[in-house]
Amino acid sequence: MAPFSLGSTCTLAQVDELHAALCEHVAAHSAEGLVIDATGVEEADVSLAQLLVAARHTAGARNLSMTLMPSQAVSGLLARTGLTSWAETVRA
């Protein structure tokens, strides 16, 4: 599985670009499942949490697995948004 790597900043200002790139990645690697490498994320807001939940929904609809490799910033964001349990189901 080719990972989709997120940059150091994943906020509302980048979400449209991230969404487009993620859609392209899923289309190109659709048979492999989805691995999101968020280990380099230093700054993130709720828009990233929304993008991750949507990615999981899309992967599930396509019968693809999804794995998330979070940084501390992403783990903290998911905890603040009440998604800790959800994140455990997709964590590497």
Protein backbone atom coordinates (compact mmCIF):
# COMPACT_ATOMS: atom_id res chain seq x y z
CA MET A 1 0.00 0.00 0.00
CA ALA A 2 1.41 3.34 -1.03
CA PRO A 3 0.89 5.77 1.84
CA PHE A 4 -0.74 9.15 1.40
CA SER A 5 1.54 11.51 3.31
CA LEU A 6 0.21 14.65 4.93
CA GLY A 7 2.35 17.75 5.32
CA SER A 8 3.22 19.49 8.54
CA THR A 9 0.20 21.82 8.41
CA CYS A 10 -3.31 20.46 7.86
CA THR A 11 -5.80 23.21 8.53
CA LEU A 12 -8.81 24.76 6.82
CA ALA A 13 -6.46 26.66 4.50
CA GLN A 14 -5.13 23.35 3.07
CA VAL A 15 -8.22 21.13 3.24
CA ASP A 16 -9.42 21.64 -0.35
CA GLU A 17 -5.97 20.81 -1.70
CA LEU A 18 -5.65 17.82 0.65
CA HIS A 19 -9.08 16.53 -0.36
CA ALA A 20 -8.26 16.72 -4.07
CA ALA A 21 -4.90 15.00 -3.59
CA LEU A 22 -6.44 12.30 -1.41
CA CYS A 23 -9.14 11.61 -4.03
CA GLU A 24 -6.44 11.23 -6.69
CA HIS A 25 -4.46 8.92 -4.43
CA VAL A 26 -7.45 6.69 -3.73
CA ALA A 27 -8.24 6.49 -7.45
CA ALA A 28 -4.66 5.54 -8.30
CA HIS A 29 -4.28 2.99 -5.50
CA SER A 30 -7.85 1.79 -5.12
CA ALA A 31 -6.99 -1.92 -5.01
CA GLU A 32 -4.41 -1.49 -2.27
CA GLY A 33 -6.36 0.03 0.58
CA LEU A 34 -5.65 3.41 2.09
CA VAL A 35 -2.75 4.27 4.36
CA ILE A 36 -2.61 7.84 5.63
CA ASP A 37 0.77 8.87 6.98
CA ALA A 38 0.13 11.77 9.33
CA THR A 39 3.34 11.33 11.33
CA GLY A 40 4.71 14.66 10.10
CA VAL A 41 1.65 16.74 11.00
CA GLU A 42 2.51 19.45 13.51
CA GLU A 43 -0.55 21.70 13.14
CA ALA A 44 -4.09 20.51 12.46
CA ASP A 45 -7.63 21.66 13.03
CA VAL A 46 -11.08 20.12 12.89
CA SER A 47 -11.07 20.20 9.08
CA LEU A 48 -8.45 17.42 9.13
CA ALA A 49 -10.62 15.35 11.47
CA GLN A 50 -13.52 15.78 9.04
CA LEU A 51 -11.32 14.78 6.11
CA LEU A 52 -10.14 11.64 7.92
CA VAL A 53 -13.67 10.58 8.82
CA ALA A 54 -14.79 11.15 5.22
CA ALA A 55 -11.81 9.16 3.94
CA ARG A 56 -12.74 6.27 6.21
CA HIS A 57 -16.32 6.41 4.97
CA THR A 58 -15.19 6.44 1.33
CA ALA A 59 -12.76 3.57 1.91
CA GLY A 60 -15.49 1.54 3.61
CA ALA A 61 -17.93 2.19 0.77
CA ARG A 62 -15.30 0.84 -1.63
CA ASN A 63 -14.49 -2.16 0.58
CA LEU A 64 -10.98 -0.84 1.22
CA SER A 65 -9.09 -0.95 4.47
CA MET A 66 -7.82 2.30 5.96
CA THR A 67 -4.85 2.73 8.23
CA LEU A 68 -3.90 5.97 9.96
CA MET A 69 -0.40 6.66 11.24
CA PRO A 70 -0.95 9.75 13.44
CA SER A 71 1.45 12.26 14.91
CA GLN A 72 0.99 13.54 18.45
CA ALA A 73 -0.75 16.59 17.02
CA VAL A 74 -3.24 14.43 15.11
CA SER A 75 -3.83 12.16 18.11
CA GLY A 76 -4.48 15.24 20.25
CA LEU A 77 -6.86 16.66 17.66
CA LEU A 78 -8.81 13.41 17.47
CA ALA A 79 -9.02 13.30 21.27
CA ARG A 80 -10.31 16.90 21.42
CA THR A 81 -12.96 16.12 18.80
CA GLY A 82 -14.14 12.98 20.59
CA LEU A 83 -12.74 10.64 17.95
CA THR A 84 -10.24 8.71 20.05
CA SER A 85 -12.22 5.46 19.87
CA TRP A 86 -12.76 5.93 16.15
CA ALA A 87 -9.05 6.55 15.63
CA GLU A 88 -8.18 3.32 17.42
CA THR A 89 -10.07 1.40 14.74
CA VAL A 90 -7.84 2.81 11.98
CA ARG A 91 -4.51 3.21 13.77
CA ALA A 92 -1.51 1.29 12.52
